[in-house]
C-alpha atoms as a PDB file:
ATOM      1  CA  MET A   1     102.922 116.264  91.397  1.00  0.00           C
ATOM      2  CA  ILE A   2      98.965 117.418  91.050  1.00  0.00           C
ATOM      3  CA  ALA A   3      96.674 116.341  88.356  1.00  0.00           C
ATOM      4  CA  GLU A   4      92.938 117.032  88.378  1.00  0.00           C
ATOM      5  CA  GLY A   5      90.330 115.979  85.949  1.00  0.00           C
ATOM      6  CA  LEU A   6      92.733 115.237  82.930  1.00  0.00           C
ATOM      7  CA  ARG A   7      90.897 114.960  79.961  1.00  0.00           C
ATOM      8  CA  LYS A   8      91.787 113.685  76.641  1.00  0.00           C
ATOM      9  CA  ARG A   9      90.441 112.103  73.148  1.00  0.00           C
ATOM     10  CA  TYR A  10      91.730 110.456  70.274  1.00  0.00           C
ATOM     11  CA  GLY A  11      89.886 110.547  66.906  1.00  0.00           C
ATOM     12  CA  GLY A  12      86.777 108.060  65.900  1.00  0.00           C
ATOM     13  CA  LYS A  13      86.536 104.512  64.478  1.00  0.00           C
ATOM     14  CA  ASP A  14      88.389 105.804  61.398  1.00  0.00           C
ATOM     15  CA  GLY A  15      91.170 107.533  63.217  1.00  0.00           C
ATOM     16  CA  ARG A  16      90.325 110.981  61.892  1.00  0.00           C
ATOM     17  CA  ASP A  17      87.179 112.344  63.695  1.00  0.00           C
ATOM     18  CA  GLY A  18      88.455 113.732  66.848  1.00  0.00           C
ATOM     19  CA  LYS A  19      84.763 114.216  68.351  1.00  0.00           C
ATOM     20  CA  ASP A  20      83.640 110.667  68.227  1.00  0.00           C
ATOM     21  CA  GLY A  21      86.343 108.706  69.627  1.00  0.00           C
ATOM     22  CA  LYS A  22      86.717 107.244  72.868  1.00  0.00           C
ATOM     23  CA  PRO A  23      88.283 109.187  75.879  1.00  0.00           C
ATOM     24  CA  ALA A  24      91.561 108.004  76.389  1.00  0.00           C
ATOM     25  CA  LEU A  25      91.556 110.020  79.981  1.00  0.00           C
ATOM     26  CA  ASP A  26      88.114 110.959  81.594  1.00  0.00           C
ATOM     27  CA  GLY A  27      88.268 112.604  84.868  1.00  0.00           C
ATOM     28  CA  PHE A  28      92.220 111.496  85.712  1.00  0.00           C
ATOM     29  CA  ASP A  29      93.282 112.723  89.242  1.00  0.00           C
ATOM     30  CA  LEU A  30      96.439 112.125  90.884  1.00  0.00           C
ATOM     31  CA  THR A  31      98.502 113.783  93.648  1.00  0.00           C
ATOM     32  CA  ILE A  32     101.995 111.998  94.437  1.00  0.00           C
ATOM     33  CA  PRO A  33     103.957 113.810  97.595  1.00  0.00           C
ATOM     34  CA  LYS A  34     107.440 114.670  96.815  1.00  0.00           C
ATOM     35  CA  GLY A  35     110.152 112.082  96.979  1.00  0.00           C
ATOM     36  CA  THR A  36     107.718 108.866  96.674  1.00  0.00           C
ATOM     37  CA  VAL A  37     107.097 106.052  94.007  1.00  0.00           C
ATOM     38  CA  CYS A  38     103.804 105.945  92.730  1.00  0.00           C
ATOM     39  CA  GLY A  39     102.492 102.887  90.909  1.00  0.00           C
ATOM     40  CA  LEU A  40     100.177 103.345  88.309  1.00  0.00           C
ATOM     41  CA  LEU A  41      98.457 100.216  86.914  1.00  0.00           C
ATOM     42  CA  GLY A  42      95.853  99.910  84.459  1.00  0.00           C
ATOM     43  CA  PRO A  43      94.857  97.222  81.914  1.00  0.00           C
ATOM     44  CA  ASN A  44      95.799  98.091  78.181  1.00  0.00           C
ATOM     45  CA  GLY A  45      94.456 100.539  76.956  1.00  0.00           C
ATOM     46  CA  ALA A  46      93.375 102.463  80.465  1.00  0.00           C
ATOM     47  CA  GLY A  47      95.633 105.470  79.923  1.00  0.00           C
ATOM     48  CA  LYS A  48      98.839 104.897  81.559  1.00  0.00           C
ATOM     49  CA  THR A  49     100.816 106.200  78.607  1.00  0.00           C
ATOM     50  CA  THR A  50      98.285 109.173  78.143  1.00  0.00           C
ATOM     51  CA  SER A  51      98.875 110.155  81.524  1.00  0.00           C
ATOM     52  CA  VAL A  52     102.799 109.794  81.089  1.00  0.00           C
ATOM     53  CA  ARG A  53     102.608 111.511  78.132  1.00  0.00           C
ATOM     54  CA  ILE A  54     100.543 114.688  79.167  1.00  0.00           C
ATOM     55  CA  LEU A  55     102.347 115.198  82.626  1.00  0.00           C
ATOM     56  CA  SER A  56     105.726 114.795  80.743  1.00  0.00           C
ATOM     57  CA  THR A  57     104.558 117.527  78.289  1.00  0.00           C
ATOM     58  CA  LEU A  58     104.741 115.483  75.162  1.00  0.00           C
ATOM     59  CA  LEU A  59     100.939 115.749  74.615  1.00  0.00           C
ATOM     60  CA  SER A  60      98.376 118.025  74.848  1.00  0.00           C
ATOM     61  CA  LEU A  61      95.424 117.662  77.496  1.00  0.00           C
ATOM     62  CA  ASP A  62      91.845 118.684  76.403  1.00  0.00           C
ATOM     63  CA  GLY A  63      90.395 119.502  79.729  1.00  0.00           C
ATOM     64  CA  GLY A  64      91.646 119.405  83.233  1.00  0.00           C
ATOM     65  CA  ARG A  65      94.719 120.790  84.919  1.00  0.00           C
ATOM     66  CA  ALA A  66      98.085 119.218  86.104  1.00  0.00           C
ATOM     67  CA  LEU A  67     101.196 120.671  88.052  1.00  0.00           C
ATOM     68  CA  VAL A  68     104.327 118.995  87.877  1.00  0.00           C
ATOM     69  CA  GLY A  69     107.341 120.512  90.250  1.00  0.00           C
ATOM     70  CA  GLY A  70     104.754 123.517  90.937  1.00  0.00           C
ATOM     71  CA  PHE A  71     104.475 124.482  87.553  1.00  0.00           C
ATOM     72  CA  ASP A  72     101.583 123.869  85.301  1.00  0.00           C
ATOM     73  CA  VAL A  73     102.130 121.770  82.466  1.00  0.00           C
ATOM     74  CA  ALA A  74     100.442 123.173  79.894  1.00  0.00           C
ATOM     75  CA  GLU A  75     101.507 127.146  80.196  1.00  0.00           C
ATOM     76  CA  GLN A  76     104.288 126.029  82.027  1.00  0.00           C
ATOM     77  CA  ALA A  77     105.647 123.210  80.008  1.00  0.00           C
ATOM     78  CA  THR A  78     109.230 124.419  79.528  1.00  0.00           C
ATOM     79  CA  GLU A  79     109.488 125.245  83.138  1.00  0.00           C
ATOM     80  CA  VAL A  80     108.255 121.549  83.763  1.00  0.00           C
ATOM     81  CA  ARG A  81     111.142 120.376  81.564  1.00  0.00           C
ATOM     82  CA  ARG A  82     113.805 121.406  83.240  1.00  0.00           C
ATOM     83  CA  ARG A  83     112.797 119.676  86.211  1.00  0.00           C
ATOM     84  CA  ILE A  84     111.653 116.166  84.943  1.00  0.00           C
ATOM     85  CA  GLY A  85     113.329 112.968  83.403  1.00  0.00           C
ATOM     86  CA  LEU A  86     111.502 110.491  81.415  1.00  0.00           C
ATOM     87  CA  VAL A  87     112.251 106.704  80.620  1.00  0.00           C
ATOM     88  CA  GLY A  88     110.224 105.073  77.891  1.00  0.00           C
ATOM     89  CA  GLN A  89     109.483 101.479  77.348  1.00  0.00           C
ATOM     90  CA  HIS A  90     112.261 101.098  74.902  1.00  0.00           C
ATOM     91  CA  ALA A  91     116.049 101.651  75.384  1.00  0.00           C
ATOM     92  CA  ALA A  92     116.534 105.656  73.889  1.00  0.00           C
ATOM     93  CA  VAL A  93     120.647 105.021  73.917  1.00  0.00           C
ATOM     94  CA  ASP A  94     123.023 104.269  71.017  1.00  0.00           C
ATOM     95  CA  GLU A  95     124.377 100.736  71.253  1.00  0.00           C
ATOM     96  CA  VAL A  96     127.447 101.712  69.172  1.00  0.00           C
ATOM     97  CA  LEU A  97     128.817 103.937  71.957  1.00  0.00           C
ATOM     98  CA  GLY A  98     129.627 103.396  75.266  1.00  0.00           C
ATOM     99  CA  GLY A  99     128.053 104.233  78.095  1.00  0.00           C
ATOM    100  CA  ARG A 100     130.021 107.490  79.059  1.00  0.00           C
ATOM    101  CA  GLN A 101     130.144 108.669  75.491  1.00  0.00           C
ATOM    102  CA  ASN A 102     126.197 108.392  75.527  1.00  0.00           C
ATOM    103  CA  LEU A 103     125.804 110.044  78.986  1.00  0.00           C
ATOM    104  CA  VAL A 104     128.005 112.604  77.733  1.00  0.00           C
ATOM    105  CA  MET A 105     126.324 113.354  74.568  1.00  0.00           C
ATOM    106  CA  PHE A 106     123.013 113.481  75.968  1.00  0.00           C
ATOM    107  CA  GLY A 107     124.786 115.994  78.652  1.00  0.00           C
ATOM    108  CA  ARG A 108     125.711 118.416  75.551  1.00  0.00           C
ATOM    109  CA  LEU A 109     122.105 118.087  74.278  1.00  0.00           C
ATOM    110  CA  HIS A 110     120.901 119.026  77.673  1.00  0.00           C
ATOM    111  CA  HIS A 111     123.194 122.506  77.227  1.00  0.00           C
ATOM    112  CA  LEU A 112     125.856 120.938  79.892  1.00  0.00           C
ATOM    113  CA  GLY A 113     129.515 122.026  78.628  1.00  0.00           C
ATOM    114  CA  LYS A 114     131.942 119.346  77.562  1.00  0.00           C
ATOM    115  CA  ARG A 115     133.643 118.874  81.546  1.00  0.00           C
ATOM    116  CA  ALA A 116     130.915 119.257  83.335  1.00  0.00           C
ATOM    117  CA  ALA A 117     128.961 116.834  80.821  1.00  0.00           C
ATOM    118  CA  THR A 118     131.769 114.636  81.288  1.00  0.00           C
ATOM    119  CA  THR A 119     131.833 114.925  85.827  1.00  0.00           C
ATOM    120  CA  ARG A 120     128.381 114.041  85.342  1.00  0.00           C
ATOM    121  CA  ALA A 121     128.580 111.237  83.326  1.00  0.00           C
ATOM    122  CA  ASP A 122     130.954 109.845  85.621  1.00  0.00           C
ATOM    123  CA  GLU A 123     128.757 110.356  88.711  1.00  0.00           C
ATOM    124  CA  LEU A 124     126.219 108.350  86.992  1.00  0.00           C
ATOM    125  CA  LEU A 125     127.989 105.783  86.115  1.00  0.00           C
ATOM    126  CA  ALA A 126     129.107 105.195  89.288  1.00  0.00           C
ATOM    127  CA  ARG A 127     125.850 105.990  91.361  1.00  0.00           C
ATOM    128  CA  PHE A 128     124.101 103.331  88.978  1.00  0.00           C
ATOM    129  CA  GLY A 129     126.870 100.726  89.239  1.00  0.00           C
ATOM    130  CA  LEU A 130     128.343 100.814  85.710  1.00  0.00           C
ATOM    131  CA  ALA A 131     131.411 102.498  86.149  1.00  0.00           C
ATOM    132  CA  ASP A 132     133.628  99.368  85.409  1.00  0.00           C
ATOM    133  CA  THR A 133     131.972  99.371  82.310  1.00  0.00           C
ATOM    134  CA  GLY A 134     131.535 102.948  81.350  1.00  0.00           C
ATOM    135  CA  SER A 135     133.862 102.590  78.036  1.00  0.00           C
ATOM    136  CA  LYS A 136     132.102  99.446  76.635  1.00  0.00           C
ATOM    137  CA  PRO A 137     129.695  99.749  73.715  1.00  0.00           C
ATOM    138  CA  VAL A 138     126.239  99.355  75.129  1.00  0.00           C
ATOM    139  CA  LYS A 139     125.752  96.651  72.363  1.00  0.00           C
ATOM    140  CA  ALA A 140     127.817  94.263  74.833  1.00  0.00           C
ATOM    141  CA  TYR A 141     125.115  95.502  78.370  1.00  0.00           C
ATOM    142  CA  SER A 142     123.082  92.658  79.552  1.00  0.00           C
ATOM    143  CA  GLY A 143     119.395  94.278  79.626  1.00  0.00           C
ATOM    144  CA  GLY A 144     119.883  94.898  82.889  1.00  0.00           C
ATOM    145  CA  MET A 145     122.354  97.646  82.234  1.00  0.00           C
ATOM    146  CA  ARG A 146     121.020  99.390  79.221  1.00  0.00           C
ATOM    147  CA  ARG A 147     118.034  99.859  81.590  1.00  0.00           C
ATOM    148  CA  ARG A 148     120.168 101.433  84.169  1.00  0.00           C
ATOM    149  CA  LEU A 149     122.281 103.176  81.505  1.00  0.00           C
ATOM    150  CA  ASP A 150     118.544 104.267  80.616  1.00  0.00           C
ATOM    151  CA  LEU A 151     118.050 105.699  84.118  1.00  0.00           C
ATOM    152  CA  ALA A 152     121.124 107.701  84.257  1.00  0.00           C
ATOM    153  CA  VAL A 153     120.359 109.163  80.773  1.00  0.00           C
ATOM    154  CA  GLY A 154     117.159 110.440  82.637  1.00  0.00           C
ATOM    155  CA  MET A 155     118.764 111.487  85.816  1.00  0.00           C
ATOM    156  CA  ILE A 156     121.481 113.876  83.612  1.00  0.00           C
ATOM    157  CA  LEU A 157     119.603 117.118  85.225  1.00  0.00           C
ATOM    158  CA  SER A 158     119.207 115.582  88.411  1.00  0.00           C
ATOM    159  CA  PRO A 159     115.178 116.087  87.958  1.00  0.00           C
ATOM    160  CA  GLU A 160     112.629 116.436  90.748  1.00  0.00           C
ATOM    161  CA  VAL A 161     110.492 114.052  89.216  1.00  0.00           C
ATOM    162  CA  LEU A 162     111.154 111.095  87.153  1.00  0.00           C
ATOM    163  CA  PHE A 163     108.821 109.133  84.938  1.00  0.00           C
ATOM    164  CA  LEU A 164     109.170 105.634  84.536  1.00  0.00           C
ATOM    165  CA  ASP A 165     106.948 103.977  81.756  1.00  0.00           C
ATOM    166  CA  GLU A 166     107.428 100.277  82.162  1.00  0.00           C
ATOM    167  CA  PRO A 167     110.764 100.209  82.645  1.00  0.00           C
ATOM    168  CA  THR A 168     111.757  96.708  83.142  1.00  0.00           C
ATOM    169  CA  VAL A 169     109.697  94.838  80.171  1.00  0.00           C
ATOM    170  CA  GLY A 170     111.531  91.908  78.820  1.00  0.00           C
ATOM    171  CA  LEU A 171     114.279  91.838  81.017  1.00  0.00           C
ATOM    172  CA  ASP A 172     115.175  88.784  82.952  1.00  0.00           C
ATOM    173  CA  PRO A 173     114.699  88.433  87.209  1.00  0.00           C
ATOM    174  CA  ARG A 174     118.337  89.679  87.627  1.00  0.00           C
ATOM    175  CA  GLY A 175     117.732  92.575  85.363  1.00  0.00           C
ATOM    176  CA  ARG A 176     114.308  93.648  86.861  1.00  0.00           C
ATOM    177  CA  GLY A 177     116.509  93.344  90.301  1.00  0.00           C
ATOM    178  CA  GLU A 178     119.345  95.810  89.265  1.00  0.00           C
ATOM    179  CA  VAL A 179     116.489  98.154  87.994  1.00  0.00           C
ATOM    180  CA  TRP A 180     114.372  97.658  91.293  1.00  0.00           C
ATOM    181  CA  GLN A 181     117.241  98.492  93.173  1.00  0.00           C
ATOM    182  CA  ALA A 182     118.390 101.529  91.068  1.00  0.00           C
ATOM    183  CA  VAL A 183     114.941 103.223  91.533  1.00  0.00           C
ATOM    184  CA  ARG A 184     114.745 102.391  95.245  1.00  0.00           C
ATOM    185  CA  ALA A 185     117.752 104.621  95.755  1.00  0.00           C
ATOM    186  CA  LEU A 186     116.517 107.274  93.300  1.00  0.00           C
ATOM    187  CA  ALA A 187     113.424 107.567  95.667  1.00  0.00           C
ATOM    188  CA  GLY A 188     115.746 107.382  98.588  1.00  0.00           C
ATOM    189  CA  GLN A 189     117.546 110.183  97.475  1.00  0.00           C
ATOM    190  CA  GLY A 190     114.567 113.000  97.220  1.00  0.00           C
ATOM    191  CA  THR A 191     113.192 111.842  93.608  1.00  0.00           C
ATOM    192  CA  THR A 192     109.399 111.826  92.969  1.00  0.00           C
ATOM    193  CA  VAL A 193     109.165 108.400  90.499  1.00  0.00           C
ATOM    194  CA  LEU A 194     105.685 108.020  88.616  1.00  0.00           C
ATOM    195  CA  LEU A 195     106.022 104.306  87.374  1.00  0.00           C
ATOM    196  CA  THR A 196     103.957 102.842  85.161  1.00  0.00           C
ATOM    197  CA  THR A 197     103.811  99.230  84.858  1.00  0.00           C
ATOM    198  CA  GLN A 198     102.389  95.991  84.071  1.00  0.00           C
ATOM    199  CA  TYR A 199     103.917  93.639  86.569  1.00  0.00           C
ATOM    200  CA  LEU A 200     102.289  93.590  89.649  1.00  0.00           C
ATOM    201  CA  ASP A 201     104.896  92.310  91.822  1.00  0.00           C
ATOM    202  CA  GLU A 202     106.884  95.256  90.715  1.00  0.00           C
ATOM    203  CA  ALA A 203     104.351  97.390  91.937  1.00  0.00           C
ATOM    204  CA  ASP A 204     104.012  96.072  95.276  1.00  0.00           C
ATOM    205  CA  GLN A 205     108.179  96.147  95.731  1.00  0.00           C
ATOM    206  CA  LEU A 206     108.409  99.731  94.613  1.00  0.00           C
ATOM    207  CA  ALA A 207     105.529 101.323  95.144  1.00  0.00           C
ATOM    208  CA  THR A 208     104.633 103.238  98.212  1.00  0.00           C
ATOM    209  CA  GLN A 209     101.435 104.763  96.647  1.00  0.00           C
ATOM    210  CA  ILE A 210      99.551 102.650  93.957  1.00  0.00           C
ATOM    211  CA  ASN A 211      96.559 103.950  91.718  1.00  0.00           C
ATOM    212  CA  VAL A 212      94.559 101.598  89.510  1.00  0.00           C
ATOM    213  CA  MET A 213      93.006 103.325  86.650  1.00  0.00           C
ATOM    214  CA  ASP A 214      90.282 102.044  84.059  1.00  0.00           C
ATOM    215  CA  HIS A 215      88.550 103.829  81.585  1.00  0.00           C
ATOM    216  CA  GLY A 216      90.428 106.621  81.562  1.00  0.00           C
ATOM    217  CA  ARG A 217      90.160 107.412  85.555  1.00  0.00           C
ATOM    218  CA  VAL A 218      91.494 106.086  89.061  1.00  0.00           C
ATOM    219  CA  ILE A 219      89.256 103.984  90.025  1.00  0.00           C
ATOM    220  CA  ALA A 220      91.118 102.986  93.549  1.00  0.00           C
ATOM    221  CA  GLU A 221      94.012 104.388  95.280  1.00  0.00           C
ATOM    222  CA  GLY A 222      96.540 103.628  98.459  1.00  0.00           C
ATOM    223  CA  THR A 223      99.317 101.300  99.816  1.00  0.00           C
ATOM    224  CA  PRO A 224      99.819  98.215  98.895  1.00  0.00           C
ATOM    225  CA  GLY A 225      98.399  96.718 101.988  1.00  0.00           C
ATOM    226  CA  GLU A 226      95.410  99.276 101.813  1.00  0.00           C
ATOM    227  CA  LEU A 227      94.332  97.492  98.576  1.00  0.00           C
ATOM    228  CA  LYS A 228      94.778  94.411  99.595  1.00  0.00           C
ATOM    229  CA  SER A 229      92.885  94.783 102.449  1.00  0.00           C
ATOM    230  CA  ARG A 230      89.710  95.847 100.420  1.00  0.00           C
ATOM    231  CA  ILE A 231      88.897  92.442  99.347  1.00  0.00           C
ATOM    232  CA  GLY A 232      88.961  90.735 102.749  1.00  0.00           C
ATOM    233  CA  GLY A 233      91.968  89.564 105.196  1.00  0.00           C
ATOM    234  CA  ASP A 234      93.739  86.157 105.013  1.00  0.00           C
ATOM    235  CA  ARG A 235      93.071  83.005 103.146  1.00  0.00           C
ATOM    236  CA  ILE A 236      93.803  79.265 103.774  1.00  0.00           C
ATOM    237  CA  GLU A 237      93.995  76.979 101.232  1.00  0.00           C
ATOM    238  CA  PHE A 238      94.502  73.524 101.324  1.00  0.00           C
ATOM    239  CA  VAL A 239      94.363  70.292  98.761  1.00  0.00           C
ATOM    240  CA  VAL A 240      92.927  67.634  99.882  1.00  0.00           C
ATOM    241  CA  HIS A 241      94.507  63.954  99.619  1.00  0.00           C
ATOM    242  CA  ASP A 242      91.141  61.840  98.321  1.00  0.00           C
ATOM    243  CA  ARG A 243      89.729  64.134  95.629  1.00  0.00           C
ATOM    244  CA  THR A 244      86.213  62.377  96.571  1.00  0.00           C
ATOM    245  CA  GLN A 245      86.386  64.341 100.102  1.00  0.00           C
ATOM    246  CA  VAL A 246      86.624  67.855  98.612  1.00  0.00           C
ATOM    247  CA  GLY A 247      82.626  68.618  99.407  1.00  0.00           C
ATOM    248  CA  THR A 248      82.983  66.998 102.880  1.00  0.00           C
ATOM    249  CA  ALA A 249      86.200  69.251 103.382  1.00  0.00           C
ATOM    250  CA  ALA A 250      84.427  72.116 102.101  1.00  0.00           C
ATOM    251  CA  GLN A 251      81.305  71.531 104.651  1.00  0.00           C
ATOM    252  CA  ALA A 252      83.755  71.221 107.112  1.00  0.00           C
ATOM    253  CA  ILE A 253      85.951  74.546 106.745  1.00  0.00           C
ATOM    254  CA  ALA A 254      82.790  76.215 106.100  1.00  0.00           C
ATOM    255  CA  ARG A 255      82.540  77.591 109.740  1.00  0.00           C
ATOM    256  CA  VAL A 256      85.879  78.371 109.972  1.00  0.00           C
ATOM    257  CA  GLY A 257      85.621  80.873 107.489  1.00  0.00           C
ATOM    258  CA  VAL A 258      84.032  84.632 106.828  1.00  0.00           C
ATOM    259  CA  THR A 259      82.718  83.165 103.048  1.00  0.00           C
ATOM    260  CA  GLU A 260      81.637  80.429 101.660  1.00  0.00           C
ATOM    261  CA  PRO A 261      84.766  77.914 100.331  1.00  0.00           C
ATOM    262  CA  VAL A 262      85.933  78.630  96.861  1.00  0.00           C
ATOM    263  CA  VAL A 263      86.297  74.470  95.456  1.00  0.00           C
ATOM    264  CA  ASP A 264      88.609  73.303  92.976  1.00  0.00           C
ATOM    265  CA  PRO A 265      87.283  69.718  92.157  1.00  0.00           C
ATOM    266  CA  ASP A 266      89.841  68.552  89.804  1.00  0.00           C
ATOM    267  CA  ALA A 267      93.013  70.024  91.762  1.00  0.00           C
ATOM    268  CA  GLY A 268      91.249  68.818  95.020  1.00  0.00           C
ATOM    269  CA  ARG A 269      92.097  72.609  96.894  1.00  0.00           C
ATOM    270  CA  VAL A 270      89.664  74.417  98.946  1.00  0.00           C
ATOM    271  CA  GLY A 271      90.128  77.925  99.895  1.00  0.00           C
ATOM    272  CA  VAL A 272      88.348  79.928 102.072  1.00  0.00           C
ATOM    273  CA  GLN A 273      88.626  83.966 103.726  1.00  0.00           C
ATOM    274  CA  VAL A 274      89.408  84.256 107.273  1.00  0.00           C
ATOM    275  CA  ALA A 275      89.028  86.972 109.821  1.00  0.00           C
ATOM    276  CA  HIS A 276      92.148  85.557 112.010  1.00  0.00           C
ATOM    277  CA  GLY A 277      94.981  84.243 110.206  1.00  0.00           C
ATOM    278  CA  THR A 278      97.062  81.983 113.150  1.00  0.00           C
ATOM    279  CA  ASP A 279      93.518  81.181 114.899  1.00  0.00           C
ATOM    280  CA  ALA A 280      91.901  79.920 111.644  1.00  0.00           C
ATOM    281  CA  LEU A 281      94.457  77.853 110.761  1.00  0.00           C
ATOM    282  CA  ARG A 282      94.583  76.052 113.799  1.00  0.00           C
ATOM    283  CA  GLU A 283      91.049  75.386 113.728  1.00  0.00           C
ATOM    284  CA  THR A 284      91.319  74.379 110.047  1.00  0.00           C
ATOM    285  CA  VAL A 285      93.667  71.949 111.258  1.00  0.00           C
ATOM    286  CA  ARG A 286      91.342  70.681 113.791  1.00  0.00           C
ATOM    287  CA  VAL A 287      87.944  70.463 111.947  1.00  0.00           C
ATOM    288  CA  LEU A 288      89.748  68.400 108.857  1.00  0.00           C
ATOM    289  CA  ASP A 289      91.193  66.082 111.560  1.00  0.00           C
ATOM    290  CA  GLN A 290      87.532  65.350 113.182  1.00  0.00           C
ATOM    291  CA  ALA A 291      86.138  64.873 109.946  1.00  0.00           C
ATOM    292  CA  GLY A 292      88.897  61.925 108.904  1.00  0.00           C
ATOM    293  CA  ILE A 293      90.221  64.398 105.901  1.00  0.00           C
ATOM    294  CA  ASP A 294      93.722  64.090 104.900  1.00  0.00           C
ATOM    295  CA  ILE A 295      95.533  67.179 103.142  1.00  0.00           C
ATOM    296  CA  ASP A 296      98.540  67.445 101.157  1.00  0.00           C
ATOM    297  CA  ASP A 297      99.116  71.030 101.437  1.00  0.00           C
ATOM    298  CA  LEU A 298      98.256  73.472 103.633  1.00  0.00           C
ATOM    299  CA  SER A 299      98.723  77.169 103.583  1.00  0.00           C
ATOM    300  CA  LEU A 300      98.132  80.656 104.835  1.00  0.00           C
ATOM    301  CA  ARG A 301      98.724  83.822 102.786  1.00  0.00           C
ATOM    302  CA  ARG A 302      97.600  87.686 102.079  1.00  0.00           C
ATOM    303  CA  PRO A 303      95.439  88.542  98.930  1.00  0.00           C
ATOM    304  CA  THR A 304      97.783  89.732  96.221  1.00  0.00           C
ATOM    305  CA  LEU A 305      97.979  92.939  94.100  1.00  0.00           C
ATOM    306  CA  ASP A 306      96.889  90.726  91.176  1.00  0.00           C
ATOM    307  CA  GLU A 307      93.521  89.707  92.768  1.00  0.00           C
ATOM    308  CA  VAL A 308      93.239  93.459  93.750  1.00  0.00           C
ATOM    309  CA  PHE A 309      93.522  94.445  90.297  1.00  0.00           C
ATOM    310  CA  LEU A 310      90.826  91.524  89.389  1.00  0.00           C
ATOM    311  CA  HIS A 311      88.809  92.329  91.589  1.00  0.00           C
ATOM    312  CA  LEU A 312      88.650  96.018  90.844  1.00  0.00           C
ATOM    313  CA  THR A 313      88.575  95.829  86.960  1.00  0.00           C
ATOM    314  CA  GLY A 314      87.261  92.403  86.392  1.00  0.00           C
ATOM    315  CA  ARG A 315      90.372  91.864  84.151  1.00  0.00           C
ATOM    316  CA  ARG A 316      94.365  90.964  84.096  1.00  0.00           C
ATOM    317  CA  THR A 317      96.601  93.619  83.202  1.00  0.00           C
ATOM    318  CA  THR A 318      97.313  92.399  80.249  1.00  0.00           C
ATOM    319  CA  GLU A 319      93.701  92.151  78.663  1.00  0.00           C
ATOM    320  CA  PRO A 320      92.855  94.755  75.804  1.00  0.00           C
ATOM    321  CA  GLU A 321      90.027  97.228  76.999  1.00  0.00           C
ATOM    322  CA  HIS A 322      88.528  98.424  73.696  1.00  0.00           C
ATOM    323  CA  GLN A 323      89.938  99.585  69.819  1.00  0.00           C
ATOM    324  CA  GLY A 324      90.736 103.005  70.497  1.00  0.00           C
ATOM    325  CA  ARG A 325      93.715 105.388  69.703  1.00  0.00           C
ATOM    326  CA  GLU A 326      96.154 104.644  71.948  1.00  0.00           C
ATOM    327  CA  VAL A 327      99.090 102.808  71.964  1.00  0.00           C
ATOM    328  CA  ASN A 328     100.798 100.517  74.610  1.00  0.00           C
ATOM    329  CA  ALA A 329      98.389 102.450  77.283  1.00  0.00           C
END
């Protein structure tokens, strides 16, 4: 999948002027190798949903070019649709029907014969761990089961590319884990997955490639490990038992780190970035002991994707960007 210089502009402040509105996409580029999971991250309004809608032929583009499955989304939309699946933020299944009935119905809507649709439904129920509940009405399903059924619907025609737009919104940890397992299985079988999410741990768990969006374009890309390395190496954090010694502890630890210590006086917490984690951890214990400082907690950790995101965009994933026209972008 390739996107080059995609542009899309919605209406102006009054919602009617198509020329003066802020761009939802402003030179969006993306390349996803076949059979990988790409996480598309960005604050609300960054353009994630607009990107998915254009790449899945649901929305026209104003500029640029995109190929999905080797076909141009603007000039060969029909061919693109034959090769993709789309799972949106909200369940698209009928809650009165059973899981098997839903899959058969969607199979027929995709022009499969009755026998072929039934066979495909049974295959997908088994694939997504729903075979024992296929006859139950969907309203009796848990949240995780519904989303797995949504994934199964998106796989009716064995698509080469699957778009997942916020697939685990509103799910409890167990439901999220069920969906994660299903996504890993799809990628393992060769499906290319484009995942948009505001859950940074989800991207860290699933994506082999991450693209961070802001203001309608990609501002950083790489593996989770590569992105984390951009804001430095390991960090040592400790909590001083006697809060009056926080300043002294920060001075003592300064020579261990490669950056100035960060201090939270109220919590008694001191943190510093270090070059060699385990060596620096031993040195930290030594210098604090020499300074006569007792600590309640000591940890060595890598940067998180949440810290990477904050470093790159200056805000959290759930903070609004601007008052543009895009909804749930």
